[in-house]
Amino acid sequence: MEGATALSAETREALTALIGSADAVAAGLDGGVDSADPLRNLADDCLNALAESARWEARMAALKVRLIADYTRAAEALAPPARSPQECTAREMSTVAEIACVLTVSERAAGALISEARALTAALPLTLAALRAGTISWQHARIMVDETANIDQAGAAALEAHFLDPDAPTPARGCPAGELVPGRFRAKARSWRERHHPVSIETRHAKGVENRRVEYCPDRDGMAWLSAYLPADTASGIWERTTAAARTLQAPDEQRTLGQLRADVAATWLLSSGTGPGTAEDGAPGAPSSGEVPAPRAQVLITVPVMALLGATEEPAILDGHGPVPPSMARRLIADGADSFRRVLTDPRDGAPLEIGRTSYRVPKAMRQWLRLRDGKCPFPGCSNASLDNDADHLLAWADGGGTGVRNLGQPCRKHHRLKHTTAWAPTAAGANHPPGWTSPAGRTYASEYQDWEPPQWPPAAVAVEWRSSPSGRVGGRSERSTGPLAKTRSKSAARVVGRPFSGMGQVAAW
């Protein structure tokens, strides 16, 4: 209890410093106008207020660190002793999820915040004091946490004192740490760490090799980043070999830049088997000579508006796990042999999924497909785990009377599936077109992310159809109005779009 009281006092101290900094910003902006040079006075006031606001942000970060540390300790004190390592892990997951939802950040970011708060409050007192005083920024504090990770307490204290304690035996020379831009401070801190680290670089490198991985990050305009964390020699070799292959393709009539050639070479090597006519002498796939990269083959849903599939509009398609992509990409994936992609046609009225193609290599269950379309990803707030990797799960357990329908199903990732069954986190009700939300152990309710469907675009000169449901429930109708030069023919059972007949949307998929 004494520790809890001390923590509360330190939190109040951080809050008092924050209020004082905010008052200083307000005082700087209300300092009056010098009649001799009002513009210069205004400029000086703005710069002074900006400098004080930077200190205010640092003090706000120090307060957040204190609040996170206090909450995690309170949550640990409120919970009964864990009966197993698995139960302990589940409680930590629950705490991370609660903070992530409160701050509206990802669980990875919340976990990093908790780790940084624990490090600052337990092992880096000089850094936390400088942050609370506003002499360093939150970026500087995070760099200090990063560079003192995986070294013993004495080494961390020595690094911290070198940069933040002017009375240290060997203080840093030059300007104070807070006056260095974060990038330069990281370089100086890392250099000191490498020179004074108690563990050899060979041992540290062996541990880093165990963390090698490939990461995928969607970007705008139908693009994405694919990065790899590899040993330096491996990464350097891949870069040099890719560059060499790209340079062999450079010619006076080659329109692609060296960077574009590198990207095409790497994509071709990753997507080719190495047994085709383009194989190099060493067995690796040859470089793409014409700029054509092989179509990928992976079990992915691609949602294509009907008119975009027909080429009548240019609205984006939706690639599962990524987002909007150009319709030309969708048409190429469907037409050029990417048979493991599943096309999904959307209703021209509201953009909702309408029909799922039946020509993929591996056909999942229809209900699982619908869950993927409805949710798009794990429905837990902030989770971006793609739907292909997730498990279908009953919201109300089958043993408790829950049925197997889309309104009682979710598709949480394995992490949040385990969170549901091992902690007090519980999903809320789902619907046919929206995923379930979640209720935390603290009683807070967090909504899940909905799919952002939009009504597809109609071509300027196309058939205007009065859609209505037939007795069988299929989309379509018998009544249509023809407008424009492309619609001169009427039929009682089908409408014609760009001269091609279909009865409902299902037949478009076969075209």
Protein backbone atom coordinates (compact mmCIF):
# COMPACT_ATOMS: atom_id res chain seq x y z
CA MET A 1 0.00 0.00 0.00
CA GLU A 2 2.93 2.33 0.67
CA GLY A 3 4.09 1.85 -2.92
CA ALA A 4 0.59 2.64 -4.20
CA THR A 5 0.52 5.86 -2.16
CA ALA A 6 3.96 6.89 -3.52
CA LEU A 7 2.85 6.21 -7.07
CA SER A 8 -0.28 8.30 -6.60
CA ALA A 9 1.82 11.18 -5.24
CA GLU A 10 4.16 10.99 -8.24
CA THR A 11 1.18 10.97 -10.59
CA ARG A 12 -0.19 14.08 -8.89
CA GLU A 13 3.21 15.73 -9.21
CA ALA A 14 3.27 14.97 -12.94
CA LEU A 15 -0.24 16.39 -13.30
CA THR A 16 0.75 19.58 -11.45
CA ALA A 17 3.74 20.07 -13.75
CA LEU A 18 1.47 19.57 -16.77
CA ILE A 19 -1.00 22.21 -15.55
CA GLY A 20 1.85 24.65 -14.94
CA SER A 21 3.15 24.10 -18.46
CA ALA A 22 -0.30 24.71 -19.94
CA ASP A 23 -0.58 27.95 -17.95
CA ALA A 24 2.80 29.03 -19.32
CA VAL A 25 1.62 28.44 -22.90
CA ALA A 26 -1.51 30.50 -22.28
CA ALA A 27 0.52 33.29 -20.65
CA GLY A 28 2.88 33.39 -23.60
CA LEU A 29 0.02 33.82 -26.07
CA ASP A 30 -1.62 36.54 -23.94
CA GLY A 31 1.54 38.53 -23.41
CA GLY A 32 0.22 41.61 -25.14
CA VAL A 33 1.31 43.43 -28.28
CA ASP A 34 4.37 45.68 -28.50
CA SER A 35 3.21 48.84 -30.21
CA ALA A 36 6.71 49.47 -31.57
CA ASP A 37 6.83 46.23 -33.58
CA PRO A 38 3.60 44.20 -33.17
CA LEU A 39 4.49 41.60 -35.81
CA ARG A 40 7.86 40.86 -34.25
CA ASN A 41 6.21 40.59 -30.85
CA LEU A 42 3.62 38.18 -32.27
CA ALA A 43 6.32 36.06 -33.91
CA ASP A 44 8.33 35.89 -30.69
CA ASP A 45 5.24 34.97 -28.67
CA CYS A 46 4.40 32.17 -31.09
CA LEU A 47 7.93 30.73 -30.92
CA ASN A 48 7.96 30.95 -27.13
CA ALA A 49 4.56 29.24 -26.98
CA LEU A 50 5.76 26.52 -29.36
CA ALA A 51 8.79 25.86 -27.16
CA GLU A 52 6.58 25.70 -24.08
CA SER A 53 4.08 23.46 -25.87
CA ALA A 54 6.90 21.01 -26.62
CA ARG A 55 7.66 20.92 -22.90
CA TRP A 56 3.91 20.51 -22.27
CA GLU A 57 3.81 17.49 -24.58
CA ALA A 58 6.77 15.95 -22.76
CA ARG A 59 5.05 16.44 -19.40
CA MET A 60 1.85 14.96 -20.82
CA ALA A 61 3.85 11.92 -21.90
CA ALA A 62 5.30 11.65 -18.38
CA LEU A 63 1.79 11.77 -16.92
CA LYS A 64 0.62 9.07 -19.33
CA VAL A 65 3.57 6.89 -18.30
CA ARG A 66 2.59 7.27 -14.65
CA LEU A 67 -1.08 6.52 -15.32
CA ILE A 68 -0.26 3.38 -17.32
CA ALA A 69 2.15 2.14 -14.66
CA ASP A 70 -0.38 2.81 -11.90
CA TYR A 71 -3.18 1.06 -13.79
CA THR A 72 -1.15 -2.06 -14.53
CA ARG A 73 -0.15 -2.34 -10.87
CA ALA A 74 -3.74 -1.80 -9.73
CA ALA A 75 -4.99 -4.45 -12.17
CA GLU A 76 -2.41 -6.90 -10.87
CA ALA A 77 -3.42 -6.15 -7.26
CA LEU A 78 -7.14 -6.58 -8.01
CA ALA A 79 -6.70 -9.99 -9.65
CA PRO A 80 -6.35 -13.13 -7.52
CA PRO A 81 -3.10 -15.10 -7.77
CA ALA A 82 -2.70 -16.83 -11.13
CA ARG A 83 -3.02 -20.59 -10.91
CA SER A 84 -0.93 -21.32 -14.02
CA PRO A 85 1.42 -19.59 -16.49
CA GLN A 86 -1.38 -19.68 -19.05
CA GLU A 87 -3.70 -17.76 -16.74
CA CYS A 88 -0.97 -15.20 -16.09
CA THR A 89 -0.48 -14.70 -19.83
CA ALA A 90 -4.22 -14.31 -20.35
CA ARG A 91 -4.38 -11.58 -17.69
CA GLU A 92 -1.54 -9.70 -19.33
CA MET A 93 -3.35 -9.93 -22.67
CA SER A 94 -6.50 -8.58 -21.03
CA THR A 95 -4.63 -5.61 -19.53
CA VAL A 96 -3.01 -4.78 -22.86
CA ALA A 97 -6.36 -5.01 -24.64
CA GLU A 98 -8.03 -2.69 -22.10
CA ILE A 99 -5.38 0.03 -22.51
CA ALA A 100 -5.42 -0.37 -26.29
CA CYS A 101 -9.17 0.16 -26.43
CA VAL A 102 -9.10 3.15 -24.04
CA LEU A 103 -6.38 4.90 -26.04
CA THR A 104 -7.70 3.72 -29.43
CA VAL A 105 -4.38 2.24 -30.45
CA SER A 106 -3.31 -1.20 -31.58
CA GLU A 107 -2.48 -3.85 -29.02
CA ARG A 108 1.10 -3.85 -30.24
CA ALA A 109 1.30 -0.12 -29.51
CA ALA A 110 -0.39 -0.58 -26.13
CA GLY A 111 1.98 -3.39 -25.22
CA ALA A 112 4.92 -1.18 -26.16
CA LEU A 113 3.53 1.64 -24.02
CA ILE A 114 3.20 -0.68 -21.03
CA SER A 115 6.75 -1.96 -21.48
CA GLU A 116 8.10 1.58 -21.81
CA ALA A 117 6.14 2.76 -18.77
CA ARG A 118 7.48 -0.11 -16.68
CA ALA A 119 11.04 0.54 -17.82
CA LEU A 120 10.83 4.28 -17.15
CA THR A 121 9.24 3.94 -13.72
CA ALA A 122 11.37 1.02 -12.54
CA ALA A 123 14.80 1.36 -14.14
CA LEU A 124 15.23 4.81 -15.72
CA PRO A 125 14.52 7.45 -13.07
CA LEU A 126 16.71 10.12 -14.67
CA THR A 127 14.91 9.75 -18.00
CA LEU A 128 11.48 9.98 -16.40
CA ALA A 129 12.53 13.02 -14.36
CA ALA A 130 13.85 14.76 -17.52
CA LEU A 131 10.63 13.93 -19.33
CA ARG A 132 8.54 15.34 -16.49
CA ALA A 133 10.69 18.49 -16.47
CA GLY A 134 10.22 18.87 -20.21
CA THR A 135 13.96 18.85 -21.02
CA ILE A 136 13.66 15.80 -23.29
CA SER A 137 10.84 14.71 -25.58
CA TRP A 138 8.86 11.48 -25.62
CA GLN A 139 10.93 10.39 -28.65
CA HIS A 140 14.12 10.81 -26.62
CA ALA A 141 12.63 8.81 -23.74
CA ARG A 142 11.64 5.96 -26.06
CA ILE A 143 15.13 5.90 -27.56
CA MET A 144 16.58 5.61 -24.07
CA VAL A 145 14.26 2.69 -23.34
CA ASP A 146 15.22 0.99 -26.62
CA GLU A 147 18.95 1.42 -26.16
CA THR A 148 18.94 0.24 -22.53
CA ALA A 149 16.91 -2.87 -23.33
CA ASN A 150 18.67 -6.21 -22.86
CA ILE A 151 21.51 -4.75 -20.81
CA ASP A 152 21.89 -5.13 -17.06
CA GLN A 153 20.77 -2.50 -14.57
CA ALA A 154 24.28 -1.15 -14.07
CA GLY A 155 24.78 -0.70 -17.82
CA ALA A 156 21.40 1.03 -18.20
CA ALA A 157 22.19 3.38 -15.33
CA ALA A 158 25.58 4.20 -16.83
CA LEU A 159 24.11 4.98 -20.25
CA GLU A 160 21.37 7.11 -18.72
CA ALA A 161 23.82 9.02 -16.53
CA HIS A 162 26.21 9.60 -19.45
CA PHE A 163 23.57 11.60 -21.32
CA LEU A 164 21.35 13.02 -18.57
CA ASP A 165 23.53 13.53 -15.48
CA PRO A 166 25.96 16.46 -15.82
CA ASP A 167 27.77 15.28 -12.67
CA ALA A 168 28.50 11.81 -14.09
CA PRO A 169 32.19 10.72 -14.24
CA THR A 170 32.17 10.88 -18.05
CA PRO A 171 29.21 13.03 -19.18
CA ALA A 172 28.35 13.41 -22.84
CA ARG A 173 30.14 16.27 -24.56
CA GLY A 174 28.39 18.92 -26.57
CA CYS A 175 24.79 20.01 -26.32
CA PRO A 176 22.38 18.31 -23.88
CA ALA A 177 20.51 15.23 -25.06
CA GLY A 178 17.20 17.09 -25.26
CA GLU A 179 18.66 19.57 -27.75
CA LEU A 180 19.67 16.82 -30.17
CA VAL A 181 17.12 15.77 -32.76
CA PRO A 182 15.91 12.24 -31.95
CA GLY A 183 17.73 10.67 -34.88
CA ARG A 184 21.10 12.03 -33.80
CA PHE A 185 20.44 11.16 -30.17
CA ARG A 186 19.71 7.57 -31.16
CA ALA A 187 22.98 7.38 -33.12
CA LYS A 188 25.00 8.67 -30.16
CA ALA A 189 23.18 6.43 -27.65
CA ARG A 190 23.58 3.36 -29.86
CA SER A 191 27.27 4.07 -30.37
CA TRP A 192 27.81 4.30 -26.60
CA ARG A 193 25.80 1.13 -26.06
CA GLU A 194 27.80 -0.85 -28.62
CA ARG A 195 31.08 0.21 -27.00
CA HIS A 196 29.98 -0.57 -23.43
CA HIS A 197 27.57 -3.49 -23.85
CA PRO A 198 28.47 -6.33 -21.46
CA VAL A 199 27.42 -9.02 -23.96
CA SER A 200 29.48 -9.66 -27.08
CA ILE A 201 28.10 -8.69 -30.47
CA GLU A 202 28.27 -12.34 -31.58
CA THR A 203 25.83 -13.37 -28.86
CA ARG A 204 23.52 -10.46 -29.58
CA HIS A 205 23.59 -11.21 -33.31
CA ALA A 206 22.65 -14.84 -32.70
CA LYS A 207 19.61 -13.66 -30.76
CA GLY A 208 18.71 -11.19 -33.50
CA VAL A 209 18.82 -13.98 -36.08
CA GLU A 210 16.11 -15.78 -34.14
CA ASN A 211 13.80 -12.78 -34.71
CA ARG A 212 14.13 -12.73 -38.52
CA ARG A 213 10.79 -12.27 -40.26
CA VAL A 214 8.91 -10.88 -43.26
CA GLU A 215 6.25 -8.20 -42.78
CA TYR A 216 3.46 -6.94 -45.04
CA CYS A 217 1.97 -3.44 -44.76
CA PRO A 218 -0.83 -2.18 -47.07
CA ASP A 219 -0.39 1.28 -48.53
CA ARG A 220 -2.56 3.65 -50.56
CA ASP A 221 -3.27 3.61 -54.32
CA GLY A 222 -3.37 -0.18 -54.55
CA MET A 223 0.22 -0.59 -53.35
CA ALA A 224 1.83 -2.28 -50.33
CA TRP A 225 5.18 -2.65 -48.57
CA LEU A 226 6.88 -6.04 -48.18
CA SER A 227 9.90 -5.93 -45.87
CA ALA A 228 12.24 -8.53 -44.42
CA TYR A 229 14.27 -8.47 -41.19
CA LEU A 230 17.35 -10.51 -42.03
CA PRO A 231 21.01 -10.89 -41.06
CA ALA A 232 23.01 -8.05 -42.56
CA ASP A 233 25.03 -10.24 -44.91
CA THR A 234 21.91 -11.97 -46.25
CA ALA A 235 20.08 -8.70 -46.79
CA SER A 236 23.13 -7.14 -48.44
CA GLY A 237 23.52 -10.15 -50.73
CA ILE A 238 19.86 -10.00 -51.78
CA TRP A 239 20.14 -6.29 -52.45
CA GLU A 240 23.33 -6.64 -54.50
CA ARG A 241 22.02 -9.57 -56.52
CA THR A 242 18.73 -7.80 -57.21
CA THR A 243 20.59 -4.67 -58.24
CA ALA A 244 22.89 -6.64 -60.56
CA ALA A 245 19.95 -8.38 -62.22
CA ALA A 246 18.16 -5.04 -62.61
CA ARG A 247 21.22 -3.41 -64.21
CA THR A 248 21.44 -6.17 -66.82
CA LEU A 249 17.99 -5.13 -68.01
CA GLN A 250 18.91 -1.47 -68.45
CA ALA A 251 19.03 -0.51 -72.10
CA PRO A 252 18.45 2.63 -74.16
CA ASP A 253 14.87 1.57 -74.91
CA GLU A 254 14.09 0.42 -71.33
CA GLN A 255 11.48 2.74 -69.81
CA ARG A 256 11.69 1.44 -66.24
CA THR A 257 13.93 3.07 -63.66
CA LEU A 258 16.49 1.10 -61.68
CA GLY A 259 14.18 1.08 -58.67
CA GLN A 260 11.28 -0.24 -60.75
CA LEU A 261 13.52 -2.92 -62.23
CA ARG A 262 14.63 -4.02 -58.77
CA ALA A 263 10.99 -4.34 -57.68
CA ASP A 264 10.05 -6.35 -60.79
CA VAL A 265 13.07 -8.64 -60.44
CA ALA A 266 12.32 -9.34 -56.76
CA ALA A 267 8.62 -9.95 -57.42
CA THR A 268 9.40 -12.32 -60.28
CA TRP A 269 11.88 -14.30 -58.20
CA LEU A 270 9.40 -14.65 -55.33
CA LEU A 271 6.42 -15.59 -57.49
CA SER A 272 8.17 -17.95 -59.92
CA SER A 273 9.07 -21.58 -59.36
CA GLY A 274 12.44 -21.32 -61.06
CA THR A 275 11.69 -24.08 -63.57
CA GLY A 276 10.32 -22.07 -66.47
CA PRO A 277 12.01 -20.72 -69.58
CA GLY A 278 13.09 -17.60 -67.70
CA THR A 279 15.29 -19.52 -65.26
CA ALA A 280 18.80 -18.21 -64.77
CA GLU A 281 21.93 -20.36 -64.96
CA ASP A 282 22.15 -20.69 -61.17
CA GLY A 283 18.61 -22.03 -60.92
CA ALA A 284 16.98 -18.81 -59.82
CA PRO A 285 14.06 -17.42 -61.80
CA GLY A 286 15.17 -15.11 -64.54
CA ALA A 287 14.59 -11.38 -64.50
CA PRO A 288 11.41 -10.06 -66.12
CA SER A 289 12.37 -8.74 -69.52
CA SER A 290 9.03 -7.18 -70.45
CA GLY A 291 7.85 -5.81 -67.11
CA GLU A 292 5.30 -8.63 -66.70
CA VAL A 293 5.30 -10.05 -63.18
CA PRO A 294 3.59 -13.45 -62.72
CA ALA A 295 0.07 -13.39 -61.29
CA PRO A 296 0.13 -14.46 -57.63
CA ARG A 297 -1.55 -17.65 -56.48
CA ALA A 298 -2.95 -17.45 -52.96
CA GLN A 299 -6.34 -18.04 -51.39
CA VAL A 300 -7.59 -14.45 -51.35
CA LEU A 301 -11.02 -12.87 -51.76
CA ILE A 302 -11.27 -10.01 -54.21
CA THR A 303 -14.53 -8.03 -54.23
CA VAL A 304 -15.30 -6.60 -57.65
CA PRO A 305 -18.21 -4.28 -58.48
CA VAL A 306 -20.19 -5.73 -61.37
CA MET A 307 -19.74 -2.75 -63.66
CA ALA A 308 -16.01 -2.59 -62.94
CA LEU A 309 -15.66 -6.29 -63.80
CA LEU A 310 -17.36 -5.59 -67.11
CA GLY A 311 -15.04 -2.66 -67.76
CA ALA A 312 -17.89 -0.13 -67.76
CA THR A 313 -16.59 1.80 -64.70
CA GLU A 314 -13.21 2.34 -63.07
CA GLU A 315 -14.17 2.15 -59.39
CA PRO A 316 -11.75 0.21 -57.14
CA ALA A 317 -12.07 -3.44 -56.25
CA ILE A 318 -11.34 -4.63 -52.68
CA LEU A 319 -8.50 -7.10 -52.08
CA ASP A 320 -9.03 -9.02 -48.84
CA GLY A 321 -6.46 -8.03 -46.23
CA HIS A 322 -5.33 -4.99 -48.22
CA GLY A 323 -8.12 -2.66 -49.30
CA PRO A 324 -8.93 -0.84 -52.56
CA VAL A 325 -7.01 -1.88 -55.68
CA PRO A 326 -7.44 -0.77 -59.31
CA PRO A 327 -10.14 -2.63 -61.26
CA SER A 328 -7.56 -3.49 -63.90
CA MET A 329 -5.68 -5.48 -61.25
CA ALA A 330 -8.86 -7.33 -60.31
CA ARG A 331 -9.66 -8.14 -63.93
CA ARG A 332 -6.09 -9.37 -64.50
CA LEU A 333 -6.19 -11.61 -61.41
CA ILE A 334 -9.43 -13.19 -62.60
CA ALA A 335 -8.50 -13.47 -66.26
CA ASP A 336 -4.78 -14.36 -66.10
CA GLY A 337 -4.93 -17.63 -64.27
CA ALA A 338 -4.90 -16.59 -60.60
CA ASP A 339 -7.32 -19.42 -59.95
CA SER A 340 -6.96 -19.35 -56.18
CA PHE A 341 -8.38 -15.84 -55.98
CA ARG A 342 -12.11 -15.83 -55.27
CA ARG A 343 -14.06 -13.09 -56.95
CA VAL A 344 -17.00 -11.53 -55.11
CA LEU A 345 -19.56 -9.50 -57.03
CA THR A 346 -21.33 -6.64 -55.25
CA ASP A 347 -24.90 -5.44 -55.43
CA PRO A 348 -25.21 -2.30 -57.63
CA ARG A 349 -27.74 -0.87 -55.17
CA ASP A 350 -25.69 -0.66 -51.96
CA GLY A 351 -22.31 -2.33 -52.51
CA ALA A 352 -23.05 -5.32 -50.27
CA PRO A 353 -21.57 -8.71 -51.27
CA LEU A 354 -23.86 -10.45 -53.69
CA GLU A 355 -22.31 -13.58 -55.19
CA ILE A 356 -19.12 -15.57 -54.59
CA GLY A 357 -17.31 -17.23 -57.46
CA ARG A 358 -17.02 -21.03 -57.45
CA THR A 359 -13.82 -21.56 -59.41
CA SER A 360 -11.04 -21.40 -56.78
CA TYR A 361 -8.52 -24.13 -56.17
CA ARG A 362 -9.48 -24.49 -52.53
CA VAL A 363 -13.16 -23.85 -51.69
CA PRO A 364 -13.92 -22.94 -48.03
CA LYS A 365 -17.37 -23.26 -46.53
CA ALA A 366 -19.95 -20.73 -47.74
CA MET A 367 -20.59 -19.42 -44.24
CA ARG A 368 -16.88 -18.93 -43.62
CA GLN A 369 -16.72 -16.96 -46.86
CA TRP A 370 -19.56 -14.75 -45.70
CA LEU A 371 -17.84 -14.11 -42.38
CA ARG A 372 -14.72 -13.05 -44.25
CA LEU A 373 -16.77 -10.65 -46.32
CA ARG A 374 -18.68 -9.28 -43.33
CA ASP A 375 -15.71 -8.78 -41.00
CA GLY A 376 -12.71 -8.42 -43.30
CA LYS A 377 -10.39 -9.08 -40.35
CA CYS A 378 -10.41 -10.05 -36.68
CA PRO A 379 -13.34 -8.13 -35.14
CA PHE A 380 -11.44 -7.19 -31.97
CA PRO A 381 -10.96 -3.39 -31.84
CA GLY A 382 -7.64 -2.36 -33.36
CA CYS A 383 -6.66 -5.86 -34.56
CA SER A 384 -5.59 -6.07 -38.21
CA ASN A 385 -5.15 -9.82 -38.47
CA ALA A 386 -6.40 -10.80 -41.93
CA SER A 387 -9.56 -12.86 -42.17
CA LEU A 388 -7.84 -15.76 -43.95
CA ASP A 389 -5.86 -16.60 -40.80
CA ASN A 390 -8.78 -16.44 -38.34
CA ASP A 391 -11.08 -19.06 -36.84
CA ALA A 392 -14.87 -19.11 -36.99
CA ASP A 393 -16.19 -19.07 -33.44
CA HIS A 394 -19.65 -19.24 -31.84
CA LEU A 395 -20.43 -16.05 -29.91
CA LEU A 396 -22.89 -17.98 -27.76
CA ALA A 397 -21.45 -21.45 -27.29
CA TRP A 398 -23.22 -24.35 -28.95
CA ALA A 399 -23.50 -26.05 -25.57
CA ASP A 400 -25.32 -22.98 -24.24
CA GLY A 401 -27.91 -22.97 -27.01
CA GLY A 402 -26.08 -20.91 -29.63
CA GLY A 403 -26.85 -21.69 -33.24
CA THR A 404 -24.57 -21.88 -36.25
CA GLY A 405 -25.53 -18.76 -38.18
CA VAL A 406 -23.76 -15.60 -39.21
CA ARG A 407 -25.48 -13.66 -36.39
CA ASN A 408 -23.90 -15.97 -33.83
CA LEU A 409 -20.49 -16.30 -35.44
CA GLY A 410 -17.33 -14.26 -35.37
CA GLN A 411 -13.88 -14.88 -36.74
CA PRO A 412 -11.39 -13.71 -34.11
CA CYS A 413 -7.70 -14.34 -34.62
CA ARG A 414 -6.18 -17.03 -32.45
CA LYS A 415 -4.90 -14.49 -29.95
CA HIS A 416 -8.32 -12.93 -29.34
CA HIS A 417 -10.03 -16.31 -29.59
CA ARG A 418 -7.86 -17.34 -26.63
CA LEU A 419 -8.59 -14.02 -24.91
CA LYS A 420 -12.33 -14.73 -25.12
CA HIS A 421 -12.04 -18.17 -23.56
CA THR A 422 -9.45 -17.41 -20.86
CA THR A 423 -10.49 -13.96 -19.56
CA ALA A 424 -13.65 -11.96 -18.88
CA TRP A 425 -13.56 -10.31 -22.32
CA ALA A 426 -16.80 -11.19 -24.13
CA PRO A 427 -18.13 -10.43 -27.63
CA THR A 428 -21.40 -8.56 -28.07
CA ALA A 429 -24.12 -9.45 -30.56
CA ALA A 430 -23.32 -9.57 -34.27
CA GLY A 431 -25.56 -9.05 -37.28
CA ALA A 432 -25.77 -10.31 -40.81
CA ASN A 433 -23.80 -7.29 -42.04
CA HIS A 434 -21.77 -6.19 -39.02
CA PRO A 435 -19.26 -7.98 -36.76
CA PRO A 436 -19.57 -8.29 -32.98
CA GLY A 437 -18.22 -5.70 -30.56
CA TRP A 438 -16.50 -6.53 -27.28
CA THR A 439 -17.06 -5.93 -23.56
CA SER A 440 -13.98 -5.70 -21.35
CA PRO A 441 -13.54 -7.03 -17.78
CA ALA A 442 -13.88 -3.40 -16.59
CA GLY A 443 -17.40 -3.28 -18.07
CA ARG A 444 -16.51 -0.99 -20.98
CA THR A 445 -17.98 -1.77 -24.39
CA TYR A 446 -15.97 -1.25 -27.57
CA ALA A 447 -17.46 -1.36 -31.04
CA SER A 448 -15.81 -3.32 -33.81
CA GLU A 449 -14.83 -1.87 -37.16
CA TYR A 450 -17.47 -2.15 -39.88
CA GLN A 451 -16.82 -2.78 -43.54
CA ASP A 452 -17.09 0.48 -45.45
CA TRP A 453 -19.21 -0.66 -48.36
CA GLU A 454 -20.26 1.95 -50.90
CA PRO A 455 -22.82 1.77 -53.70
CA PRO A 456 -20.99 0.95 -56.95
CA GLN A 457 -20.81 3.53 -59.72
CA TRP A 458 -22.98 3.16 -62.77
CA PRO A 459 -21.59 3.91 -66.23
CA PRO A 460 -22.94 7.13 -67.81
CA ALA A 461 -24.76 5.31 -70.61
CA ALA A 462 -26.07 2.06 -69.22
CA VAL A 463 -29.32 0.30 -68.51
CA ALA A 464 -31.28 1.77 -65.59
CA VAL A 465 -32.97 -1.19 -63.96
CA GLU A 466 -35.74 -1.13 -61.37
CA TRP A 467 -34.35 -3.73 -58.96
CA ARG A 468 -36.71 -5.73 -56.85
CA SER A 469 -36.69 -9.11 -55.18
CA SER A 470 -38.32 -11.99 -56.97
CA PRO A 471 -40.43 -14.52 -55.04
CA SER A 472 -37.40 -16.81 -54.86
CA GLY A 473 -35.34 -14.11 -53.17
CA ARG A 474 -32.90 -13.70 -56.06
CA VAL A 475 -31.73 -10.26 -57.03
CA GLY A 476 -33.25 -8.97 -60.21
CA GLY A 477 -36.64 -8.18 -61.55
CA ARG A 478 -38.87 -8.15 -64.56
CA SER A 479 -39.25 -4.43 -64.91
CA GLU A 480 -36.53 -2.29 -66.43
CA ARG A 481 -36.23 1.11 -68.05
CA SER A 482 -33.87 1.63 -70.96
CA THR A 483 -31.87 4.82 -71.20
CA GLY A 484 -29.00 5.74 -73.47
CA PRO A 485 -27.81 4.29 -76.75
CA LEU A 486 -26.62 1.01 -75.21
CA ALA A 487 -30.07 -0.01 -74.06
CA LYS A 488 -32.44 -0.39 -76.99
CA THR A 489 -33.70 -3.87 -76.27
CA ARG A 490 -36.17 -4.94 -73.61
CA SER A 491 -36.71 -8.34 -72.13
CA LYS A 492 -39.16 -9.62 -69.53
CA SER A 493 -36.62 -11.91 -67.88
CA ALA A 494 -33.24 -10.20 -68.26
CA ALA A 495 -31.61 -6.81 -68.65
CA ARG A 496 -28.75 -6.10 -71.01
CA VAL A 497 -25.62 -4.27 -69.93
CA VAL A 498 -23.14 -3.36 -72.67
CA GLY A 499 -24.87 -5.89 -74.89
CA ARG A 500 -24.41 -8.88 -72.56
CA PRO A 501 -27.47 -10.47 -70.95
CA PHE A 502 -27.77 -11.51 -67.35
CA SER A 503 -30.63 -12.47 -65.08
CA GLY A 504 -29.60 -11.26 -61.65
CA MET A 505 -25.96 -10.89 -60.75
CA GLY A 506 -25.14 -14.58 -60.53
CA GLN A 507 -24.77 -15.01 -64.27
CA VAL A 508 -22.24 -12.20 -64.56
CA ALA A 509 -19.76 -14.32 -62.64
CA ALA A 510 -19.87 -16.99 -65.33
CA TRP A 511 -19.21 -14.48 -68.10
